[in-house]
């Protein structure tokens, strides 16, 4: 267990009720600092080399970033289900989600062979450089891959410790842990389906949506909303509405991420553009483009988007990007994102949240998906 100590500003460990989702994302940063400091302290007690090379890098990675959207969605779920007062458990759950996100990204970067994350070299790239600088023996890449996997495992262990401590101290701990346990299994299943689809050269639209749901939508929005609602003791009706809202909003988020992966600006996203195309990762964007190319007889687009090379050249990536535009797939995905964002808000309304919380959720969905849901309520 991490055994977190309260800060001087919050001697009893109570943080009150953050008035907004944005306030929760700001407040969780201080809590994450406590979590990371406690984790580093424990790591030093175990072994100083491990603490320096692994735990220190995990802590630095978590501190570097992210929008803390999952924390904000936990807050929305908590407030939508009637949560008020001390939000410590909400923020602790949000912090645990940020650590799970770190685990997912560290492992994902290894599996995808990514070189850039949050504007800096990925963990395995940095570790390979360390290996070379220290003149270690053996292949640097093999060493770096193994240690990066361990780093992701450590982030997950810290997350589990924090969530377990939170659940043990909550009257709704059993429901909280149930959501958490389900979320972890979904993430692993989604990651496997992702690499399985890549290995089989799949182009199916339904399969792409399944992967996007399991790998991202559930643990980005749906489960955070449900975790928050569980902490508030929300009833089954509210939980069902929030799950539906989260699934739609989470899919909108992932589809936007797919578009950014193909057409985004690395200076803004903090990661390379075109990597998904280079490795022909099955995304909804790619699947729609393949379907449209086949339906319209666009043989050039169908050929360049078909399974083939393990890693494609820059020229091929540019041709794939042009095919995504020419077939109309990019426009289809933009429309799908807008529809999902609107559907997410409609489902959220069924939870009976206040107008202020509804606005917070709509703002978060817009921030995550790039699509602005209708705030007037006329479409619900």
Protein backbone atom coordinates (compact mmCIF):
# COMPACT_ATOMS: atom_id res chain seq x y z
CA UNK A 1 0.00 0.00 0.00
CA UNK A 2 1.15 3.52 -0.72
CA UNK A 3 0.23 4.93 2.69
CA UNK A 4 -0.41 8.49 1.52
CA UNK A 5 0.11 11.29 4.00
CA UNK A 6 -2.20 14.34 4.04
CA UNK A 7 -0.66 17.65 3.02
CA UNK A 8 -0.30 20.61 5.35
CA UNK A 9 -3.06 22.41 3.49
CA UNK A 10 -5.41 19.47 4.01
CA UNK A 11 -4.46 18.07 7.43
CA UNK A 12 -7.40 15.68 7.58
CA UNK A 13 -7.04 14.55 3.96
CA UNK A 14 -10.31 16.23 2.98
CA UNK A 15 -10.33 18.36 -0.13
CA UNK A 16 -13.93 19.54 -0.11
CA UNK A 17 -16.09 19.52 -3.21
CA UNK A 18 -14.31 20.83 -6.35
CA UNK A 19 -16.86 23.15 -7.93
CA UNK A 20 -16.00 22.13 -11.47
CA UNK A 21 -14.52 19.25 -13.43
CA UNK A 22 -11.62 21.53 -14.31
CA UNK A 23 -11.09 22.16 -10.61
CA UNK A 24 -10.87 18.41 -10.08
CA UNK A 25 -8.20 18.06 -12.78
CA UNK A 26 -6.14 20.77 -11.11
CA UNK A 27 -6.54 19.39 -7.61
CA UNK A 28 -5.66 15.84 -8.61
CA UNK A 29 -2.20 17.02 -9.59
CA UNK A 30 -1.26 17.68 -5.97
CA UNK A 31 -2.58 14.26 -4.98
CA UNK A 32 -0.60 12.60 -7.76
CA UNK A 33 2.53 14.27 -6.41
CA UNK A 34 1.89 12.60 -3.05
CA UNK A 35 1.29 9.24 -4.70
CA UNK A 36 4.45 9.47 -6.78
CA UNK A 37 6.57 10.63 -3.84
CA UNK A 38 5.29 7.70 -1.76
CA UNK A 39 5.96 5.27 -4.60
CA UNK A 40 9.48 6.58 -5.10
CA UNK A 41 10.16 6.34 -1.37
CA UNK A 42 9.07 2.71 -1.34
CA UNK A 43 11.14 1.99 -4.45
CA UNK A 44 14.27 3.42 -2.81
CA UNK A 45 13.70 1.20 0.18
CA UNK A 46 13.50 -1.82 -2.12
CA UNK A 47 16.52 -1.00 -4.30
CA UNK A 48 18.19 2.31 -5.25
CA UNK A 49 19.10 1.24 -8.80
CA UNK A 50 15.51 0.16 -9.51
CA UNK A 51 14.27 3.43 -8.00
CA UNK A 52 16.57 5.52 -10.17
CA UNK A 53 16.15 3.70 -13.49
CA UNK A 54 12.54 2.53 -13.37
CA UNK A 55 10.44 4.18 -10.66
CA UNK A 56 12.01 7.56 -11.32
CA UNK A 57 11.17 7.34 -15.01
CA UNK A 58 7.58 6.29 -14.30
CA UNK A 59 7.13 9.24 -11.94
CA UNK A 60 8.63 11.65 -14.46
CA UNK A 61 6.35 10.32 -17.20
CA UNK A 62 3.21 10.75 -15.10
CA UNK A 63 4.27 14.24 -14.06
CA UNK A 64 4.82 15.19 -17.69
CA UNK A 65 1.38 15.17 -18.66
CA UNK A 66 -1.99 14.36 -19.91
CA UNK A 67 -5.17 16.37 -19.77
CA UNK A 68 -6.43 14.47 -16.69
CA UNK A 69 -9.71 13.92 -18.55
CA UNK A 70 -10.41 10.66 -16.73
CA UNK A 71 -10.36 12.48 -13.39
CA UNK A 72 -12.81 15.03 -14.78
CA UNK A 73 -15.17 12.27 -15.92
CA UNK A 74 -15.00 10.60 -12.49
CA UNK A 75 -16.07 13.94 -11.00
CA UNK A 76 -18.95 14.22 -13.52
CA UNK A 77 -20.17 10.73 -12.70
CA UNK A 78 -19.98 11.45 -8.97
CA UNK A 79 -21.89 14.71 -9.24
CA UNK A 80 -24.43 13.33 -11.73
CA UNK A 81 -25.26 10.54 -9.26
CA UNK A 82 -25.75 13.01 -6.41
CA UNK A 83 -22.26 13.19 -4.93
CA UNK A 84 -21.44 16.23 -2.78
CA UNK A 85 -19.10 17.19 0.03
CA UNK A 86 -15.68 15.63 0.55
CA UNK A 87 -14.26 14.66 -2.84
CA UNK A 88 -11.10 12.95 -1.60
CA UNK A 89 -12.18 9.49 -2.78
CA UNK A 90 -13.13 10.95 -6.17
CA UNK A 91 -9.72 12.50 -6.62
CA UNK A 92 -7.92 9.39 -5.42
CA UNK A 93 -9.86 7.36 -7.97
CA UNK A 94 -8.94 9.89 -10.63
CA UNK A 95 -5.29 9.66 -9.66
CA UNK A 96 -5.44 5.88 -9.91
CA UNK A 97 -6.86 6.23 -13.43
CA UNK A 98 -4.01 8.54 -14.41
CA UNK A 99 -1.58 5.82 -13.32
CA UNK A 100 -3.49 3.19 -15.31
CA UNK A 101 -3.26 5.51 -18.29
CA UNK A 102 0.52 5.68 -17.80
CA UNK A 103 0.69 1.88 -17.78
CA UNK A 104 -1.38 1.66 -20.97
CA UNK A 105 0.72 4.24 -22.80
CA UNK A 106 4.06 2.73 -21.77
CA UNK A 107 3.00 -0.73 -22.93
CA UNK A 108 1.29 0.61 -26.05
CA UNK A 109 4.43 2.46 -27.11
CA UNK A 110 6.45 -0.74 -26.81
CA UNK A 111 3.95 -2.74 -28.86
CA UNK A 112 3.65 -0.05 -31.52
CA UNK A 113 7.35 0.81 -31.60
CA UNK A 114 6.51 4.49 -31.07
CA UNK A 115 9.36 6.95 -30.63
CA UNK A 116 7.62 10.04 -29.23
CA UNK A 117 5.08 10.54 -26.44
CA UNK A 118 4.02 13.74 -24.70
CA UNK A 119 6.64 15.64 -26.63
CA UNK A 120 9.56 13.50 -25.43
CA UNK A 121 11.22 10.19 -26.37
CA UNK A 122 9.15 7.19 -25.37
CA UNK A 123 10.27 5.14 -22.39
CA UNK A 124 11.87 2.33 -24.39
CA UNK A 125 13.74 4.82 -26.60
CA UNK A 126 15.09 6.62 -23.53
CA UNK A 127 16.12 3.34 -21.92
CA UNK A 128 17.95 2.22 -25.06
CA UNK A 129 19.90 5.47 -24.95
CA UNK A 130 20.73 4.84 -21.28
CA UNK A 131 21.96 1.35 -22.19
CA UNK A 132 24.29 2.72 -24.87
CA UNK A 133 25.55 5.60 -22.72
CA UNK A 134 26.41 3.22 -19.87
CA UNK A 135 28.11 0.82 -22.30
CA UNK A 136 26.03 -2.11 -21.08
CA UNK A 137 26.27 -5.49 -22.78
CA UNK A 138 23.63 -7.07 -24.97
CA UNK A 139 21.19 -5.50 -27.45
CA UNK A 140 20.00 -2.08 -26.20
CA UNK A 141 16.54 -2.57 -27.74
CA UNK A 142 15.91 -5.87 -25.95
CA UNK A 143 16.95 -4.34 -22.63
CA UNK A 144 14.81 -1.25 -23.21
CA UNK A 145 11.72 -3.25 -24.18
CA UNK A 146 11.95 -5.43 -21.08
CA UNK A 147 12.43 -2.49 -18.71
CA UNK A 148 9.64 -0.45 -20.32
CA UNK A 149 7.25 -3.37 -19.74
CA UNK A 150 8.33 -3.43 -16.09
CA UNK A 151 7.79 0.33 -15.88
CA UNK A 152 4.21 -0.10 -17.10
CA UNK A 153 3.72 -2.90 -14.58
CA UNK A 154 4.92 -0.60 -11.79
CA UNK A 155 2.49 2.15 -12.82
CA UNK A 156 -0.34 -0.40 -12.70
CA UNK A 157 0.80 -1.63 -9.27
CA UNK A 158 0.73 1.93 -7.93
CA UNK A 159 -2.72 2.42 -9.43
CA UNK A 160 -4.06 -0.79 -7.88
CA UNK A 161 -2.63 0.12 -4.48
CA UNK A 162 -4.27 3.52 -4.56
CA UNK A 163 -7.65 2.24 -5.75
CA UNK A 164 -7.62 -0.57 -3.17
CA UNK A 165 -6.89 1.88 -0.35
CA UNK A 166 -9.73 4.09 -1.62
CA UNK A 167 -12.17 1.19 -1.88
CA UNK A 168 -11.34 -0.04 1.63
CA UNK A 169 -12.12 3.41 3.01
CA UNK A 170 -15.39 3.89 1.12
CA UNK A 171 -18.88 2.66 2.08
CA UNK A 172 -19.28 1.89 -1.62
CA UNK A 173 -15.91 0.17 -1.98
CA UNK A 174 -17.30 -3.10 -3.31
CA UNK A 175 -19.05 -1.40 -6.25
CA UNK A 176 -16.00 0.76 -6.88
CA UNK A 177 -13.71 -2.24 -7.06
CA UNK A 178 -16.14 -4.12 -9.31
CA UNK A 179 -15.93 -1.33 -11.88
CA UNK A 180 -12.15 -1.16 -11.57
CA UNK A 181 -11.68 -4.90 -12.00
CA UNK A 182 -13.88 -4.96 -15.11
CA UNK A 183 -12.03 -1.99 -16.60
CA UNK A 184 -8.61 -3.65 -16.30
CA UNK A 185 -9.79 -6.77 -18.12
CA UNK A 186 -11.38 -4.71 -20.89
CA UNK A 187 -8.15 -2.81 -21.46
CA UNK A 188 -6.13 -6.00 -21.90
CA UNK A 189 -8.77 -7.49 -24.22
CA UNK A 190 -8.81 -4.34 -26.32
CA UNK A 191 -5.05 -4.26 -26.65
CA UNK A 192 -5.01 -7.90 -27.72
CA UNK A 193 -7.76 -7.37 -30.29
CA UNK A 194 -5.73 -4.44 -31.62
CA UNK A 195 -2.56 -6.45 -32.24
CA UNK A 196 -4.60 -9.46 -33.43
CA UNK A 197 -6.34 -7.35 -36.07
CA UNK A 198 -3.00 -5.96 -37.19
CA UNK A 199 -1.54 -9.46 -37.50
CA UNK A 200 -4.49 -10.79 -39.48
CA UNK A 201 -4.77 -7.75 -41.76
CA UNK A 202 -8.39 -7.16 -40.81
CA UNK A 203 -10.37 -4.33 -42.39
CA UNK A 204 -13.75 -4.84 -40.71
CA UNK A 205 -15.72 -1.81 -39.55
CA UNK A 206 -17.41 -3.70 -36.72
CA UNK A 207 -14.08 -5.07 -35.54
CA UNK A 208 -12.57 -1.58 -35.59
CA UNK A 209 -15.40 -0.30 -33.39
CA UNK A 210 -15.01 -3.23 -31.00
CA UNK A 211 -11.32 -2.46 -30.60
CA UNK A 212 -11.94 1.26 -30.12
CA UNK A 213 -14.55 0.50 -27.47
CA UNK A 214 -12.50 -2.03 -25.50
CA UNK A 215 -9.14 -0.36 -25.85
CA UNK A 216 -10.11 3.24 -25.23
CA UNK A 217 -13.77 4.25 -24.91
CA UNK A 218 -14.48 2.18 -21.82
CA UNK A 219 -11.54 3.19 -19.66
CA UNK A 220 -11.43 6.78 -20.92
CA UNK A 221 -15.05 7.79 -20.26
CA UNK A 222 -17.53 4.99 -19.49
CA UNK A 223 -15.72 3.40 -16.55
CA UNK A 224 -14.59 6.74 -15.05
CA UNK A 225 -18.22 7.94 -15.06
CA UNK A 226 -19.33 4.67 -13.46
CA UNK A 227 -16.52 4.80 -10.89
CA UNK A 228 -17.62 8.28 -9.86
CA UNK A 229 -21.27 7.28 -9.71
CA UNK A 230 -20.35 4.26 -7.59
CA UNK A 231 -18.64 6.51 -5.06
CA UNK A 232 -21.85 8.52 -4.81
CA UNK A 233 -23.98 5.40 -4.32
CA UNK A 234 -25.81 6.03 -7.58
CA UNK A 235 -28.78 3.82 -8.42
CA UNK A 236 -28.89 1.35 -11.29
CA UNK A 237 -30.84 3.70 -13.56
CA UNK A 238 -28.31 6.50 -13.21
CA UNK A 239 -25.42 4.08 -13.71
CA UNK A 240 -26.98 2.68 -16.89
CA UNK A 241 -27.49 6.18 -18.30
CA UNK A 242 -23.92 7.17 -17.47
CA UNK A 243 -22.52 3.99 -18.99
CA UNK A 244 -24.33 4.71 -22.25
CA UNK A 245 -23.20 8.33 -22.19
CA UNK A 246 -19.63 7.28 -21.53
CA UNK A 247 -19.53 4.69 -24.27
CA UNK A 248 -20.68 7.20 -26.88
CA UNK A 249 -18.40 9.97 -25.66
CA UNK A 250 -15.48 7.57 -25.32
CA UNK A 251 -15.88 6.35 -28.88
CA UNK A 252 -16.03 9.95 -30.09
CA UNK A 253 -12.76 10.55 -28.25
CA UNK A 254 -11.06 7.54 -29.84
CA UNK A 255 -12.27 8.37 -33.34
CA UNK A 256 -10.89 11.89 -32.93
CA UNK A 257 -7.60 10.36 -31.79
CA UNK A 258 -7.57 8.23 -34.93
CA UNK A 259 -8.01 11.34 -37.09
CA UNK A 260 -5.22 13.11 -35.22
CA UNK A 261 -3.03 10.06 -35.72
CA UNK A 262 -3.46 10.41 -39.47
CA UNK A 263 -3.77 14.17 -39.94
CA UNK A 264 -2.66 15.82 -36.68
CA UNK A 265 0.23 18.15 -35.91
CA UNK A 266 2.96 16.44 -33.82
CA UNK A 267 3.77 19.81 -32.24
CA UNK A 268 0.26 19.83 -30.77
CA UNK A 269 -0.34 16.12 -30.14
CA UNK A 270 3.11 15.36 -28.72
CA UNK A 271 3.40 12.18 -30.80
CA UNK A 272 4.28 11.34 -34.42
CA UNK A 273 1.69 11.58 -37.15
CA UNK A 274 1.16 8.67 -39.53
CA UNK A 275 2.35 5.85 -37.26
CA UNK A 276 -1.04 4.08 -37.41
CA UNK A 277 -0.94 4.27 -41.20
CA UNK A 278 2.68 3.15 -41.38
CA UNK A 279 1.85 -0.07 -39.52
CA UNK A 280 -1.69 -0.31 -40.95
CA UNK A 281 -3.34 -0.35 -37.57
CA UNK A 282 -7.04 -1.19 -37.81
CA UNK A 283 -8.94 1.99 -36.96
CA UNK A 284 -12.50 2.95 -37.77
CA UNK A 285 -11.06 5.54 -40.16
CA UNK A 286 -9.13 2.90 -42.10
CA UNK A 287 -12.01 0.43 -42.10
CA UNK A 288 -14.46 3.02 -43.46
CA UNK A 289 -11.99 4.03 -46.17
CA UNK A 290 -11.54 0.42 -47.28
CA UNK A 291 -15.31 -0.10 -47.40
CA UNK A 292 -15.85 3.10 -49.39
CA UNK A 293 -13.02 2.31 -51.80
CA UNK A 294 -14.52 -1.10 -52.52
CA UNK A 295 -18.04 0.31 -52.88
CA UNK A 296 -16.99 3.00 -55.36
CA UNK A 297 -14.49 0.92 -57.28
CA UNK A 298 -11.53 3.07 -56.28
CA UNK A 299 -8.90 0.44 -57.00
CA UNK A 300 -5.98 2.75 -56.22
CA UNK A 301 -7.29 3.53 -52.73
CA UNK A 302 -8.19 -0.11 -52.09
CA UNK A 303 -4.69 -1.22 -53.08
CA UNK A 304 -2.79 1.28 -50.96
CA UNK A 305 -5.01 0.59 -47.92
CA UNK A 306 -4.82 -3.20 -48.25
CA UNK A 307 -2.68 -5.38 -45.94
CA UNK A 308 0.89 -5.70 -47.13
CA UNK A 309 4.16 -4.23 -45.95
CA UNK A 310 4.98 -4.52 -42.26
CA UNK A 311 6.22 -0.92 -42.18
CA UNK A 312 5.31 1.44 -44.98
CA UNK A 313 7.42 4.16 -46.53
CA UNK A 314 6.75 7.88 -46.15
CA UNK A 315 5.50 7.97 -49.73
CA UNK A 316 3.05 5.13 -49.07
CA UNK A 317 1.82 6.83 -45.91
CA UNK A 318 1.13 10.00 -47.91
CA UNK A 319 -0.79 7.99 -50.50
CA UNK A 320 -2.81 6.33 -47.73
CA UNK A 321 -3.60 9.74 -46.24
CA UNK A 322 -4.76 10.96 -49.66
CA UNK A 323 -6.97 7.86 -50.00
CA UNK A 324 -8.61 8.59 -46.64
CA UNK A 325 -9.54 12.02 -47.97
CA UNK A 326 -10.52 10.97 -51.48
CA UNK A 327 -12.83 8.15 -50.43
CA UNK A 328 -14.65 10.48 -48.04
CA UNK A 329 -13.67 8.43 -44.99
CA UNK A 330 -12.37 11.47 -43.12
CA UNK A 331 -15.72 13.24 -43.54
CA UNK A 332 -17.65 10.13 -42.50
CA UNK A 333 -15.62 9.87 -39.30
CA UNK A 334 -16.13 13.56 -38.55
CA UNK A 335 -19.89 13.05 -38.84
CA UNK A 336 -19.73 9.93 -36.69
CA UNK A 337 -17.89 11.84 -33.98
CA UNK A 338 -20.54 14.57 -33.96
CA UNK A 339 -23.34 11.99 -33.75
CA UNK A 340 -21.63 10.14 -30.89
CA UNK A 341 -21.00 13.35 -28.95
CA UNK A 342 -24.67 14.33 -29.26
CA UNK A 343 -25.82 10.83 -28.26
CA UNK A 344 -23.53 10.93 -25.25
CA UNK A 345 -25.16 14.09 -23.98
CA UNK A 346 -28.65 12.68 -24.52
CA UNK A 347 -27.81 9.64 -22.42
CA UNK A 348 -26.16 11.81 -19.76
CA UNK A 349 -29.38 13.77 -19.39
CA UNK A 350 -31.19 10.60 -18.33
CA UNK A 351 -28.99 10.44 -15.22
CA UNK A 352 -30.79 13.51 -13.86
CA UNK A 353 -27.69 15.68 -13.38
CA UNK A 354 -28.02 19.38 -12.69
CA UNK A 355 -27.71 21.89 -15.53
CA UNK A 356 -24.26 22.92 -14.28
CA UNK A 357 -22.95 19.34 -14.30
CA UNK A 358 -24.51 18.79 -17.71
CA UNK A 359 -22.58 21.77 -19.01
CA UNK A 360 -19.40 20.42 -17.48
CA UNK A 361 -19.91 17.08 -19.19
CA UNK A 362 -20.68 18.72 -22.54
CA UNK A 363 -17.53 20.81 -22.26
CA UNK A 364 -15.45 17.72 -21.52
CA UNK A 365 -16.94 15.85 -24.47
CA UNK A 366 -16.12 18.76 -26.74
CA UNK A 367 -12.59 18.89 -25.38
CA UNK A 368 -12.09 15.15 -25.84
CA UNK A 369 -13.75 14.74 -29.23
CA UNK A 370 -13.48 18.13 -30.88
CA UNK A 371 -17.25 18.09 -31.41
CA UNK A 372 -19.55 20.48 -29.56
CA UNK A 373 -22.75 18.77 -28.31
CA UNK A 374 -25.97 20.80 -28.33
CA UNK A 375 -26.38 22.45 -24.92
CA UNK A 376 -29.94 23.65 -25.46
CA UNK A 377 -31.56 20.34 -24.65
CA UNK A 378 -33.81 20.58 -27.74
CA UNK A 379 -32.47 17.32 -29.13
CA UNK A 380 -33.13 15.24 -26.00
